C-alpha atoms as a PDB file:
ATOM      1  CA  MET A   1      -2.649  -1.229  16.708  1.00  0.00           C
ATOM      2  CA  ALA A   2      -0.746   1.090  14.970  1.00  0.00           C
ATOM      3  CA  ALA A   3      -0.131   0.693  11.330  1.00  0.00           C
ATOM      4  CA  VAL A   4       3.640   0.024  10.630  1.00  0.00           C
ATOM      5  CA  GLY A   5       4.350   1.444   7.259  1.00  0.00           C
ATOM      6  CA  ALA A   6       7.950  -0.332   4.658  1.00  0.00           C
ATOM      7  CA  LEU A   7       9.892   0.652   1.823  1.00  0.00           C
ATOM      8  CA  PHE A   8      11.359  -1.862   0.051  1.00  0.00           C
ATOM      9  CA  THR A   9      14.573  -1.072  -2.276  1.00  0.00           C
ATOM     10  CA  ALA A  10      15.317  -2.264  -5.210  1.00  0.00           C
ATOM     11  CA  GLY A  11      18.826  -1.566  -5.655  1.00  0.00           C
ATOM     12  CA  ALA A  12      21.158   1.503  -5.043  1.00  0.00           C
ATOM     13  CA  GLY A  13      18.879   5.071  -5.847  1.00  0.00           C
ATOM     14  CA  ALA A  14      15.726   3.104  -6.332  1.00  0.00           C
ATOM     15  CA  ALA A  15      12.797   2.492  -3.922  1.00  0.00           C
ATOM     16  CA  VAL A  16       9.493   0.883  -4.481  1.00  0.00           C
ATOM     17  CA  ALA A  17       6.401   1.321  -1.907  1.00  0.00           C
ATOM     18  CA  GLU A  18       4.852  -1.730  -0.460  1.00  0.00           C
ATOM     19  CA  PRO A  19       1.205  -2.279  -2.074  1.00  0.00           C
ATOM     20  CA  ALA A  20      -0.300  -2.505   2.036  1.00  0.00           C
ATOM     21  CA  PRO A  21       1.093  -1.275   4.950  1.00  0.00           C
ATOM     22  CA  THR A  22       2.686  -4.272   6.661  1.00  0.00           C
ATOM     23  CA  PRO A  23       4.078  -4.090  10.409  1.00  0.00           C
ATOM     24  CA  GLY A  24       7.826  -4.085  11.282  1.00  0.00           C
ATOM     25  CA  PRO A  25      10.828  -1.800  10.391  1.00  0.00           C
ATOM     26  CA  VAL A  26      12.902  -1.564   7.294  1.00  0.00           C
ATOM     27  CA  SER A  27      16.304  -2.276   7.379  1.00  0.00           C
ATOM     28  CA  PHE A  28      19.082  -0.654   5.303  1.00  0.00           C
ATOM     29  CA  HIS A  29      22.313  -2.430   4.795  1.00  0.00           C
ATOM     30  CA  SER A  30      24.966   0.270   4.448  1.00  0.00           C
ATOM     31  CA  ARG A  31      28.348   0.493   2.218  1.00  0.00           C
ATOM     32  CA  PRO A  32      30.039   3.912   2.240  1.00  0.00           C
ATOM     33  CA  ASP A  33      28.571   4.521  -1.786  1.00  0.00           C
ATOM     34  CA  PHE A  34      24.988   3.592  -0.915  1.00  0.00           C
ATOM     35  CA  ASN A  35      22.111   5.756  -1.034  1.00  0.00           C
ATOM     36  CA  THR A  36      18.835   5.011  -1.347  1.00  0.00           C
ATOM     37  CA  PHE A  37      15.759   7.150  -0.435  1.00  0.00           C
ATOM     38  CA  GLY A  38      11.747   6.945  -1.053  1.00  0.00           C
ATOM     39  CA  ILE A  39       8.933   9.706  -0.591  1.00  0.00           C
ATOM     40  CA  VAL A  40       5.531   7.728  -0.263  1.00  0.00           C
ATOM     41  CA  HIS A  41       1.806   7.424   0.139  1.00  0.00           C
ATOM     42  CA  VAL A  42       1.173   4.910   3.130  1.00  0.00           C
ATOM     43  CA  GLY A  43      -0.818   4.506   6.117  1.00  0.00           C
ATOM     44  CA  GLY A  44      -3.106   7.885   4.868  1.00  0.00           C
ATOM     45  CA  GLY A  45       0.070   9.875   5.437  1.00  0.00           C
ATOM     46  CA  ILE A  46       3.454  10.794   3.413  1.00  0.00           C
ATOM     47  CA  TRP A  47       6.849   8.835   4.473  1.00  0.00           C
ATOM     48  CA  ASP A  48       9.995  10.517   3.429  1.00  0.00           C
ATOM     49  CA  SER A  49      12.322   7.615   4.724  1.00  0.00           C
ATOM     50  CA  GLY A  50      16.053   6.663   3.545  1.00  0.00           C
ATOM     51  CA  ILE A  51      19.807   6.305   4.297  1.00  0.00           C
ATOM     52  CA  ASP A  52      22.677   8.253   2.430  1.00  0.00           C
ATOM     53  CA  SER A  53      26.976   8.052   3.561  1.00  0.00           C
ATOM     54  CA  SER A  54      26.220   9.718   6.894  1.00  0.00           C
ATOM     55  CA  LYS A  55      22.973   9.437   8.082  1.00  0.00           C
ATOM     56  CA  VAL A  56      19.699   7.562   8.066  1.00  0.00           C
ATOM     57  CA  TRP A  57      16.447   9.013   8.319  1.00  0.00           C
ATOM     58  CA  SER A  58      12.450   8.801   9.180  1.00  0.00           C
ATOM     59  CA  ASN A  59       9.911  11.835   8.552  1.00  0.00           C
ATOM     60  CA  TYR A  60       6.590  10.985   8.334  1.00  0.00           C
ATOM     61  CA  PHE A  61       2.835  13.191   8.289  1.00  0.00           C
ATOM     62  CA  HIS A  62      -0.316  12.537   8.553  1.00  0.00           C
ATOM     63  CA  GLY A  63      -3.014  15.482   7.927  1.00  0.00           C
ATOM     64  CA  GLY A  64      -5.343  13.584  10.652  1.00  0.00           C
ATOM     65  CA  LYS A  65      -4.077  11.107  13.313  1.00  0.00           C
ATOM     66  CA  CYS A  66      -1.108  11.434  15.951  1.00  0.00           C
ATOM     67  CA  HIS A  67       1.743   9.551  14.224  1.00  0.00           C
ATOM     68  CA  GLY A  68       5.061   9.024  14.490  1.00  0.00           C
ATOM     69  CA  SER A  69       8.352   7.746  12.880  1.00  0.00           C
ATOM     70  CA  PHE A  70      11.957   6.656  14.243  1.00  0.00           C
ATOM     71  CA  ALA A  71      15.203   6.008  12.578  1.00  0.00           C
ATOM     72  CA  ARG A  72      18.075   3.554  14.268  1.00  0.00           C
ATOM     73  CA  GLY A  73      21.558   3.786  13.139  1.00  0.00           C
ATOM     74  CA  ARG A  74      24.246   3.725  15.554  1.00  0.00           C
ATOM     75  CA  THR A  75      21.937   5.415  17.671  1.00  0.00           C
ATOM     76  CA  PHE A  76      17.687   4.937  18.049  1.00  0.00           C
ATOM     77  CA  VAL A  77      15.977   8.496  17.594  1.00  0.00           C
ATOM     78  CA  ARG A  78      11.865   8.564  17.861  1.00  0.00           C
ATOM     79  CA  ASP A  79       9.651  11.580  17.341  1.00  0.00           C
ATOM     80  CA  TRP A  80       6.589   9.990  18.587  1.00  0.00           C
ATOM     81  CA  ASN A  81       2.604  11.483  19.456  1.00  0.00           C
ATOM     82  CA  VAL A  82       3.059  14.053  17.059  1.00  0.00           C
ATOM     83  CA  PRO A  83      -0.003  15.942  16.616  1.00  0.00           C
ATOM     84  CA  ALA A  84      -1.830  15.904  12.778  1.00  0.00           C
ATOM     85  CA  GLY A  85      -0.829  18.038  10.529  1.00  0.00           C
ATOM     86  CA  GLN A  86       2.532  18.255  11.782  1.00  0.00           C
ATOM     87  CA  TRP A  87       5.779  16.162  10.449  1.00  0.00           C
ATOM     88  CA  SER A  88       7.700  13.928  12.883  1.00  0.00           C
ATOM     89  CA  LYS A  89      11.080  13.863  12.086  1.00  0.00           C
ATOM     90  CA  ALA A  90      13.506  10.815  13.151  1.00  0.00           C
ATOM     91  CA  SER A  91      17.378  10.645  11.895  1.00  0.00           C
ATOM     92  CA  ALA A  92      20.340   9.107  13.460  1.00  0.00           C
ATOM     93  CA  GLU A  93      23.950   8.266  12.633  1.00  0.00           C
ATOM     94  CA  MET A  94      23.981   5.701   9.704  1.00  0.00           C
ATOM     95  CA  SER A  95      26.151   2.734  11.021  1.00  0.00           C
ATOM     96  CA  VAL A  96      28.410   0.213   9.083  1.00  0.00           C
ATOM     97  CA  SER A  97      28.184  -2.202  11.206  1.00  0.00           C
ATOM     98  CA  GLU A  98      24.599  -2.908  12.027  1.00  0.00           C
ATOM     99  CA  ALA A  99      21.498  -2.958   9.994  1.00  0.00           C
ATOM    100  CA  ASN A 100      20.039   0.779   9.779  1.00  0.00           C
ATOM    101  CA  GLU A 101      16.315   0.795  10.584  1.00  0.00           C
ATOM    102  CA  VAL A 102      13.236   3.245   9.934  1.00  0.00           C
ATOM    103  CA  ALA A 103       9.575   3.010  10.501  1.00  0.00           C
ATOM    104  CA  TRP A 104       6.075   5.036  10.603  1.00  0.00           C
ATOM    105  CA  ALA A 105       3.245   4.894  12.522  1.00  0.00           C
ATOM    106  CA  ASN A 106      -0.251   6.528  11.772  1.00  0.00           C
ATOM    107  CA  SER A 107      -1.412   6.499  15.661  1.00  0.00           C
ATOM    108  CA  CYS A 108      -0.626   6.974  19.063  1.00  0.00           C
END
Protein backbone atom coordinates (compact mmCIF):
# COMPACT_ATOMS: atom_id res chain seq x y z
CA MET A 1 0.00 0.00 0.00
CA ALA A 2 1.33 3.43 -0.89
CA ALA A 3 1.96 5.91 1.85
CA VAL A 4 0.19 9.16 1.14
CA GLY A 5 1.17 12.36 2.89
CA ALA A 6 -0.59 15.40 4.15
CA LEU A 7 0.23 19.00 4.98
CA PHE A 8 -2.04 20.88 7.36
CA THR A 9 -2.36 24.64 7.14
CA ALA A 10 -2.31 26.83 10.21
CA GLY A 11 -3.39 30.03 8.48
CA ALA A 12 -2.31 32.01 5.43
CA GLY A 13 1.38 31.54 4.79
CA ALA A 14 1.92 29.02 7.59
CA ALA A 15 2.22 25.26 7.33
CA VAL A 16 2.87 22.52 9.85
CA ALA A 17 4.06 19.02 8.97
CA GLU A 18 1.94 16.18 10.24
CA PRO A 19 3.90 13.99 12.72
CA ALA A 20 3.29 10.73 10.81
CA PRO A 21 2.05 10.30 7.23
CA THR A 22 -1.68 9.62 7.04
CA PRO A 23 -3.58 8.35 4.01
CA GLY A 24 -5.58 10.93 2.13
CA PRO A 25 -5.16 14.18 0.22
CA VAL A 26 -5.00 17.68 1.61
CA SER A 27 -7.68 20.21 0.70
CA PHE A 28 -6.98 23.92 0.36
CA HIS A 29 -9.95 26.28 0.38
CA SER A 30 -9.06 29.32 -1.69
CA ARG A 31 -9.56 33.04 -1.62
CA PRO A 32 -7.93 35.47 -4.03
CA ASP A 33 -5.67 36.74 -1.20
CA PHE A 34 -4.81 33.26 0.14
CA ASN A 35 -1.30 31.79 -0.18
CA THR A 36 0.11 28.80 1.65
CA PHE A 37 2.96 26.48 0.87
CA GLY A 38 5.45 24.21 2.55
CA ILE A 39 8.49 22.07 2.01
CA VAL A 40 8.56 19.15 4.43
CA HIS A 41 10.35 15.82 4.87
CA VAL A 42 7.72 13.04 4.72
CA GLY A 43 7.69 9.38 3.77
CA GLY A 44 11.47 9.30 3.35
CA GLY A 45 11.38 12.09 0.77
CA ILE A 46 10.87 15.83 0.30
CA TRP A 47 7.44 17.29 -0.47
CA ASP A 48 6.96 20.79 -1.88
CA SER A 49 3.27 21.70 -2.08
CA GLY A 50 0.98 24.67 -1.88
CA ILE A 51 -1.48 27.05 -3.42
CA ASP A 52 -1.30 30.66 -4.56
CA SER A 53 -3.69 32.99 -6.40
CA SER A 54 -3.41 31.05 -9.68
CA LYS A 55 -2.24 27.47 -9.10
CA VAL A 56 -2.03 24.50 -6.74
CA TRP A 57 1.07 22.28 -6.83
CA SER A 58 2.54 19.09 -5.39
CA ASN A 59 6.16 18.10 -6.08
CA TYR A 60 7.74 15.08 -4.36
CA PHE A 61 11.30 13.72 -4.38
CA HIS A 62 12.38 10.31 -3.12
CA GLY A 63 15.95 9.11 -3.48
CA GLY A 64 15.27 5.39 -3.10
CA LYS A 65 11.73 4.53 -4.29
CA CYS A 66 9.40 4.90 -7.23
CA HIS A 67 6.96 7.66 -6.22
CA GLY A 68 4.49 10.31 -7.39
CA SER A 69 2.30 13.29 -6.61
CA PHE A 70 -0.93 14.92 -7.75
CA ALA A 71 -2.60 18.32 -7.73
CA ARG A 72 -6.33 18.91 -8.24
CA GLY A 73 -7.78 22.35 -8.89
CA ARG A 74 -9.86 23.19 -11.97
CA THR A 75 -8.12 20.16 -13.50
CA PHE A 76 -6.41 17.03 -12.17
CA VAL A 77 -2.68 16.60 -12.84
CA ARG A 78 -0.79 13.50 -11.75
CA ASP A 79 2.91 12.68 -12.10
CA TRP A 80 3.15 9.02 -11.12
CA ASN A 81 5.64 6.13 -11.47
CA VAL A 82 8.56 8.55 -11.19
CA PRO A 83 11.91 6.75 -10.73
CA ALA A 84 13.93 7.15 -7.53
CA GLY A 85 16.17 10.20 -7.60
CA GLN A 86 13.84 12.36 -9.73
CA TRP A 87 11.14 14.89 -8.78
CA SER A 88 7.47 14.17 -9.47
CA LYS A 89 5.87 17.48 -10.45
CA ALA A 90 2.15 18.21 -10.62
CA SER A 91 0.61 21.67 -11.00
CA ALA A 92 -3.01 22.59 -11.76
CA GLU A 93 -4.94 25.83 -12.18
CA MET A 94 -6.44 26.87 -8.83
CA SER A 95 -10.20 26.42 -8.44
CA VAL A 96 -12.19 29.19 -6.78
CA SER A 97 -15.42 27.17 -6.54
CA GLU A 98 -14.14 23.74 -5.42
CA ALA A 99 -11.59 22.52 -2.89
CA ASN A 100 -8.03 22.23 -4.22
CA GLU A 101 -6.19 19.03 -3.25
CA VAL A 102 -2.60 17.78 -3.22
CA ALA A 103 -0.96 14.48 -2.26
CA TRP A 104 2.26 12.49 -2.50
CA ALA A 105 2.97 8.74 -2.56
CA ASN A 106 6.24 6.94 -1.88
CA SER A 107 5.49 3.78 -3.88
CA CYS A 108 4.14 2.91 -7.31
